[in-house]
C-alpha atoms as a PDB file:
ATOM      1  CA  UNK A   1     -40.483 -46.520  11.235  1.00  0.00           C
ATOM      2  CA  UNK A   2     -38.407 -46.620   8.072  1.00  0.00           C
ATOM      3  CA  UNK A   3     -38.087 -49.961   6.282  1.00  0.00           C
ATOM      4  CA  UNK A   4     -34.610 -51.348   5.695  1.00  0.00           C
ATOM      5  CA  UNK A   5     -33.466 -51.776   2.067  1.00  0.00           C
ATOM      6  CA  UNK A   6     -33.167 -55.521   2.613  1.00  0.00           C
ATOM      7  CA  UNK A   7     -36.825 -55.728   3.716  1.00  0.00           C
ATOM      8  CA  UNK A   8     -37.923 -53.657   0.705  1.00  0.00           C
ATOM      9  CA  UNK A   9     -36.017 -55.973  -1.639  1.00  0.00           C
ATOM     10  CA  UNK A  10     -37.432 -59.074   0.027  1.00  0.00           C
ATOM     11  CA  UNK A  11     -41.000 -57.776  -0.334  1.00  0.00           C
ATOM     12  CA  UNK A  12     -40.524 -56.959  -4.040  1.00  0.00           C
ATOM     13  CA  UNK A  13     -38.872 -60.319  -4.753  1.00  0.00           C
ATOM     14  CA  UNK A  14     -41.617 -62.181  -2.872  1.00  0.00           C
ATOM     15  CA  UNK A  15     -44.353 -60.390  -4.838  1.00  0.00           C
ATOM     16  CA  UNK A  16     -42.600 -61.209  -8.114  1.00  0.00           C
ATOM     17  CA  UNK A  17     -42.165 -64.866  -7.137  1.00  0.00           C
ATOM     18  CA  UNK A  18     -45.828 -65.098  -6.175  1.00  0.00           C
ATOM     19  CA  UNK A  19     -46.797 -63.744  -9.608  1.00  0.00           C
ATOM     20  CA  UNK A  20     -44.420 -66.106 -11.433  1.00  0.00           C
ATOM     21  CA  UNK A  21     -45.628 -69.172  -9.524  1.00  0.00           C
ATOM     22  CA  UNK A  22     -49.235 -68.352 -10.418  1.00  0.00           C
ATOM     23  CA  UNK A  23     -48.342 -67.759 -14.083  1.00  0.00           C
ATOM     24  CA  UNK A  24     -46.378 -70.709 -15.367  1.00  0.00           C
ATOM     25  CA  UNK A  25     -43.205 -70.787 -13.293  1.00  0.00           C
ATOM     26  CA  UNK A  26     -44.322 -72.994 -10.366  1.00  0.00           C
ATOM     27  CA  UNK A  27     -40.768 -73.624  -9.111  1.00  0.00           C
ATOM     28  CA  UNK A  28     -39.790 -69.959  -8.831  1.00  0.00           C
ATOM     29  CA  UNK A  29     -38.384 -68.926  -5.462  1.00  0.00           C
ATOM     30  CA  UNK A  30     -36.196 -66.253  -3.985  1.00  0.00           C
ATOM     31  CA  UNK A  31     -32.504 -67.015  -4.412  1.00  0.00           C
ATOM     32  CA  UNK A  32     -30.199 -66.894  -1.420  1.00  0.00           C
ATOM     33  CA  UNK A  33     -27.298 -64.478  -1.758  1.00  0.00           C
ATOM     34  CA  UNK A  34     -24.357 -65.804  -3.785  1.00  0.00           C
ATOM     35  CA  UNK A  35     -21.776 -63.096  -3.185  1.00  0.00           C
ATOM     36  CA  UNK A  36     -19.523 -62.081  -6.086  1.00  0.00           C
ATOM     37  CA  UNK A  37     -21.171 -64.486  -8.561  1.00  0.00           C
ATOM     38  CA  UNK A  38     -24.660 -63.044  -8.243  1.00  0.00           C
ATOM     39  CA  UNK A  39     -27.042 -64.995 -10.495  1.00  0.00           C
ATOM     40  CA  UNK A  40     -30.128 -62.848  -9.920  1.00  0.00           C
ATOM     41  CA  UNK A  41     -32.856 -62.630  -7.318  1.00  0.00           C
ATOM     42  CA  UNK A  42     -35.054 -65.564  -8.369  1.00  0.00           C
ATOM     43  CA  UNK A  43     -34.233 -69.207  -9.039  1.00  0.00           C
ATOM     44  CA  UNK A  44     -36.327 -72.151 -10.234  1.00  0.00           C
ATOM     45  CA  UNK A  45     -36.875 -70.625 -13.692  1.00  0.00           C
ATOM     46  CA  UNK A  46     -34.359 -72.471 -15.890  1.00  0.00           C
ATOM     47  CA  UNK A  47     -32.484 -70.305 -18.395  1.00  0.00           C
ATOM     48  CA  UNK A  48     -34.060 -67.065 -17.098  1.00  0.00           C
ATOM     49  CA  UNK A  49     -32.282 -64.615 -14.767  1.00  0.00           C
ATOM     50  CA  UNK A  50     -34.398 -62.151 -12.787  1.00  0.00           C
ATOM     51  CA  UNK A  51     -33.305 -58.918 -11.137  1.00  0.00           C
ATOM     52  CA  UNK A  52     -36.006 -57.327  -8.967  1.00  0.00           C
ATOM     53  CA  UNK A  53     -36.016 -53.763  -7.653  1.00  0.00           C
ATOM     54  CA  UNK A  54     -38.581 -52.312  -5.254  1.00  0.00           C
ATOM     55  CA  UNK A  55     -39.266 -49.367  -3.000  1.00  0.00           C
ATOM     56  CA  UNK A  56     -38.708 -45.691  -3.711  1.00  0.00           C
ATOM     57  CA  UNK A  57     -35.523 -46.385  -5.695  1.00  0.00           C
ATOM     58  CA  UNK A  58     -37.557 -48.458  -8.164  1.00  0.00           C
ATOM     59  CA  UNK A  59     -40.635 -46.233  -8.243  1.00  0.00           C
ATOM     60  CA  UNK A  60     -38.462 -43.179  -9.014  1.00  0.00           C
ATOM     61  CA  UNK A  61     -35.768 -44.827 -11.160  1.00  0.00           C
ATOM     62  CA  UNK A  62     -34.095 -42.611 -13.741  1.00  0.00           C
ATOM     63  CA  UNK A  63     -32.978 -43.749 -17.192  1.00  0.00           C
ATOM     64  CA  UNK A  64     -29.395 -43.931 -15.900  1.00  0.00           C
ATOM     65  CA  UNK A  65     -30.497 -46.104 -12.981  1.00  0.00           C
ATOM     66  CA  UNK A  66     -32.335 -48.478 -15.344  1.00  0.00           C
ATOM     67  CA  UNK A  67     -29.210 -48.674 -17.525  1.00  0.00           C
ATOM     68  CA  UNK A  68     -27.071 -49.592 -14.504  1.00  0.00           C
ATOM     69  CA  UNK A  69     -29.570 -52.218 -13.395  1.00  0.00           C
ATOM     70  CA  UNK A  70     -29.634 -53.659 -16.929  1.00  0.00           C
ATOM     71  CA  UNK A  71     -25.827 -53.922 -16.804  1.00  0.00           C
ATOM     72  CA  UNK A  72     -26.178 -55.734 -13.479  1.00  0.00           C
ATOM     73  CA  UNK A  73     -28.711 -58.087 -15.100  1.00  0.00           C
ATOM     74  CA  UNK A  74     -26.298 -58.845 -17.979  1.00  0.00           C
ATOM     75  CA  UNK A  75     -23.644 -59.956 -15.464  1.00  0.00           C
ATOM     76  CA  UNK A  76     -26.211 -62.068 -13.610  1.00  0.00           C
ATOM     77  CA  UNK A  77     -27.307 -63.719 -16.871  1.00  0.00           C
ATOM     78  CA  UNK A  78     -23.691 -64.746 -17.485  1.00  0.00           C
ATOM     79  CA  UNK A  79     -23.280 -66.008 -13.908  1.00  0.00           C
ATOM     80  CA  UNK A  80     -26.556 -67.978 -14.137  1.00  0.00           C
ATOM     81  CA  UNK A  81     -25.797 -69.233 -17.671  1.00  0.00           C
ATOM     82  CA  UNK A  82     -29.224 -67.851 -18.617  1.00  0.00           C
ATOM     83  CA  UNK A  83     -30.475 -67.291 -22.157  1.00  0.00           C
ATOM     84  CA  UNK A  84     -32.968 -64.628 -21.055  1.00  0.00           C
ATOM     85  CA  UNK A  85     -32.984 -61.947 -18.396  1.00  0.00           C
ATOM     86  CA  UNK A  86     -35.694 -59.703 -16.978  1.00  0.00           C
ATOM     87  CA  UNK A  87     -35.351 -56.623 -14.796  1.00  0.00           C
ATOM     88  CA  UNK A  88     -38.542 -56.212 -12.737  1.00  0.00           C
ATOM     89  CA  UNK A  89     -39.131 -52.716 -11.345  1.00  0.00           C
ATOM     90  CA  UNK A  90     -41.941 -51.834  -8.955  1.00  0.00           C
ATOM     91  CA  UNK A  91     -44.183 -49.091 -10.346  1.00  0.00           C
ATOM     92  CA  UNK A  92     -45.405 -46.067  -8.425  1.00  0.00           C
ATOM     93  CA  UNK A  93     -48.987 -46.609  -7.327  1.00  0.00           C
ATOM     94  CA  UNK A  94     -48.951 -50.350  -8.053  1.00  0.00           C
ATOM     95  CA  UNK A  95     -48.641 -52.549  -4.986  1.00  0.00           C
ATOM     96  CA  UNK A  96     -47.315 -56.085  -4.532  1.00  0.00           C
ATOM     97  CA  UNK A  97     -50.750 -57.648  -5.071  1.00  0.00           C
ATOM     98  CA  UNK A  98     -50.577 -56.374  -8.680  1.00  0.00           C
ATOM     99  CA  UNK A  99     -46.966 -57.310  -9.469  1.00  0.00           C
ATOM    100  CA  UNK A 100     -48.017 -58.361 -12.972  1.00  0.00           C
ATOM    101  CA  UNK A 101     -48.483 -54.636 -13.664  1.00  0.00           C
ATOM    102  CA  UNK A 102     -44.942 -53.776 -12.570  1.00  0.00           C
ATOM    103  CA  UNK A 103     -42.426 -52.818 -15.255  1.00  0.00           C
ATOM    104  CA  UNK A 104     -40.294 -55.496 -16.860  1.00  0.00           C
ATOM    105  CA  UNK A 105     -37.245 -54.474 -18.865  1.00  0.00           C
ATOM    106  CA  UNK A 106     -35.379 -56.592 -21.431  1.00  0.00           C
ATOM    107  CA  UNK A 107     -32.624 -55.872 -23.934  1.00  0.00           C
ATOM    108  CA  UNK A 108     -34.120 -55.205 -27.374  1.00  0.00           C
ATOM    109  CA  UNK A 109     -32.312 -58.112 -29.064  1.00  0.00           C
ATOM    110  CA  UNK A 110     -33.767 -60.508 -26.471  1.00  0.00           C
ATOM    111  CA  UNK A 111     -37.276 -59.196 -27.073  1.00  0.00           C
ATOM    112  CA  UNK A 112     -36.827 -59.800 -30.812  1.00  0.00           C
ATOM    113  CA  UNK A 113     -35.595 -63.333 -30.123  1.00  0.00           C
ATOM    114  CA  UNK A 114     -38.561 -64.143 -27.869  1.00  0.00           C
ATOM    115  CA  UNK A 115     -41.128 -62.639 -30.231  1.00  0.00           C
ATOM    116  CA  UNK A 116     -39.773 -64.168 -33.449  1.00  0.00           C
ATOM    117  CA  UNK A 117     -37.858 -67.260 -32.280  1.00  0.00           C
ATOM    118  CA  UNK A 118     -34.842 -65.935 -34.215  1.00  0.00           C
ATOM    119  CA  UNK A 119     -31.558 -67.727 -34.640  1.00  0.00           C
ATOM    120  CA  UNK A 120     -29.347 -66.346 -31.820  1.00  0.00           C
ATOM    121  CA  UNK A 121     -26.455 -65.998 -34.301  1.00  0.00           C
ATOM    122  CA  UNK A 122     -28.578 -63.608 -36.377  1.00  0.00           C
ATOM    123  CA  UNK A 123     -29.347 -61.263 -33.472  1.00  0.00           C
ATOM    124  CA  UNK A 124     -27.605 -57.917 -33.236  1.00  0.00           C
ATOM    125  CA  UNK A 125     -26.479 -57.964 -29.618  1.00  0.00           C
ATOM    126  CA  UNK A 126     -25.339 -54.361 -29.958  1.00  0.00           C
ATOM    127  CA  UNK A 127     -29.059 -53.580 -29.822  1.00  0.00           C
ATOM    128  CA  UNK A 128     -29.034 -54.040 -26.083  1.00  0.00           C
ATOM    129  CA  UNK A 129     -31.010 -50.893 -25.312  1.00  0.00           C
ATOM    130  CA  UNK A 130     -33.708 -51.562 -22.704  1.00  0.00           C
ATOM    131  CA  UNK A 131     -37.329 -52.122 -23.715  1.00  0.00           C
ATOM    132  CA  UNK A 132     -40.073 -51.672 -21.114  1.00  0.00           C
ATOM    133  CA  UNK A 133     -43.297 -53.671 -20.826  1.00  0.00           C
ATOM    134  CA  UNK A 134     -45.531 -55.028 -18.095  1.00  0.00           C
ATOM    135  CA  UNK A 135     -44.278 -58.053 -16.163  1.00  0.00           C
ATOM    136  CA  UNK A 136     -47.425 -59.894 -17.329  1.00  0.00           C
ATOM    137  CA  UNK A 137     -46.435 -59.268 -20.963  1.00  0.00           C
ATOM    138  CA  UNK A 138     -42.835 -60.369 -20.371  1.00  0.00           C
ATOM    139  CA  UNK A 139     -44.083 -63.604 -18.793  1.00  0.00           C
ATOM    140  CA  UNK A 140     -46.416 -64.149 -21.764  1.00  0.00           C
ATOM    141  CA  UNK A 141     -43.465 -63.739 -24.171  1.00  0.00           C
ATOM    142  CA  UNK A 142     -41.283 -66.088 -22.146  1.00  0.00           C
ATOM    143  CA  UNK A 143     -44.029 -68.734 -21.967  1.00  0.00           C
ATOM    144  CA  UNK A 144     -44.721 -68.478 -25.715  1.00  0.00           C
ATOM    145  CA  UNK A 145     -40.983 -69.013 -26.343  1.00  0.00           C
ATOM    146  CA  UNK A 146     -41.036 -72.221 -24.293  1.00  0.00           C
ATOM    147  CA  UNK A 147     -39.863 -71.051 -20.868  1.00  0.00           C
ATOM    148  CA  UNK A 148     -41.728 -72.150 -17.743  1.00  0.00           C
ATOM    149  CA  UNK A 149     -44.171 -75.023 -17.520  1.00  0.00           C
ATOM    150  CA  UNK A 150     -46.054 -75.996 -20.673  1.00  0.00           C
ATOM    151  CA  UNK A 151     -49.659 -74.890 -20.665  1.00  0.00           C
ATOM    152  CA  UNK A 152     -52.298 -77.588 -20.544  1.00  0.00           C
ATOM    153  CA  UNK A 153     -53.831 -77.650 -23.997  1.00  0.00           C
ATOM    154  CA  UNK A 154     -56.711 -79.821 -25.158  1.00  0.00           C
ATOM    155  CA  UNK A 155     -55.838 -82.487 -27.672  1.00  0.00           C
ATOM    156  CA  UNK A 156     -57.483 -81.603 -30.972  1.00  0.00           C
ATOM    157  CA  UNK A 157     -57.815 -84.198 -33.729  1.00  0.00           C
ATOM    158  CA  UNK A 158     -56.489 -83.070 -37.112  1.00  0.00           C
ATOM    159  CA  UNK A 159     -59.116 -81.759 -39.511  1.00  0.00           C
ATOM    160  CA  UNK A 160     -60.370 -84.297 -42.043  1.00  0.00           C
ATOM    161  CA  UNK A 161     -62.470 -83.129 -45.012  1.00  0.00           C
ATOM    162  CA  UNK A 162     -65.732 -85.003 -45.409  1.00  0.00           C
ATOM    163  CA  UNK A 163     -67.164 -86.481 -48.590  1.00  0.00           C
ATOM    164  CA  UNK A 164     -69.670 -83.595 -48.634  1.00  0.00           C
ATOM    165  CA  UNK A 165     -66.814 -81.075 -48.661  1.00  0.00           C
ATOM    166  CA  UNK A 166     -64.089 -82.590 -50.847  1.00  0.00           C
ATOM    167  CA  UNK A 167     -62.135 -79.347 -50.990  1.00  0.00           C
ATOM    168  CA  UNK A 168     -62.152 -79.110 -47.206  1.00  0.00           C
ATOM    169  CA  UNK A 169     -64.056 -75.807 -47.263  1.00  0.00           C
ATOM    170  CA  UNK A 170     -67.255 -75.569 -45.324  1.00  0.00           C
ATOM    171  CA  UNK A 171     -69.360 -72.843 -43.787  1.00  0.00           C
ATOM    172  CA  UNK A 172     -68.657 -72.394 -40.120  1.00  0.00           C
ATOM    173  CA  UNK A 173     -71.164 -70.517 -37.971  1.00  0.00           C
ATOM    174  CA  UNK A 174     -69.479 -67.608 -36.184  1.00  0.00           C
ATOM    175  CA  UNK A 175     -71.702 -65.942 -33.589  1.00  0.00           C
ATOM    176  CA  UNK A 176     -72.619 -62.399 -34.557  1.00  0.00           C
ATOM    177  CA  UNK A 177     -71.391 -62.782 -38.131  1.00  0.00           C
ATOM    178  CA  UNK A 178     -74.874 -63.479 -39.520  1.00  0.00           C
ATOM    179  CA  UNK A 179     -75.668 -59.751 -39.147  1.00  0.00           C
ATOM    180  CA  UNK A 180     -72.828 -58.917 -41.572  1.00  0.00           C
ATOM    181  CA  UNK A 181     -74.149 -61.028 -44.474  1.00  0.00           C
END
């Protein structure tokens, strides 16, 4: 029996949400349909719009199809008042249990902003060509730029030089390095 497009979309969105929840976006959930003011497929990720595509259409998407979906994402980013947007596309041979290995597409200027924390006024928005990476890598970039829940980090006291090392330089043992000396 052939699956309906709606069921295919629901399965892809659910797999993406499951991945996001497990990787720093604990409030992510599928968005109910909003009609003409579509704000993406996933909510609960402030300032990030998500468009998710699954099934054969996604696995066999052409460059033109990706371009159209990226245009759809740009509209959804505006409707959601989002600063970032990600198009998630199911990969051939990679099932829902491995959604982190699905393709994630972003406009090039957004990738530069996330990677360098650039001033948005300095970005060349004409460089909106799509850049492809794994969903896991896109989530890593988003988290490093401050999106999602903050990671639990141990509190580390600032380094204080000792009287024995007034310049603050001391030998630190690095495992395996003794063979190099």
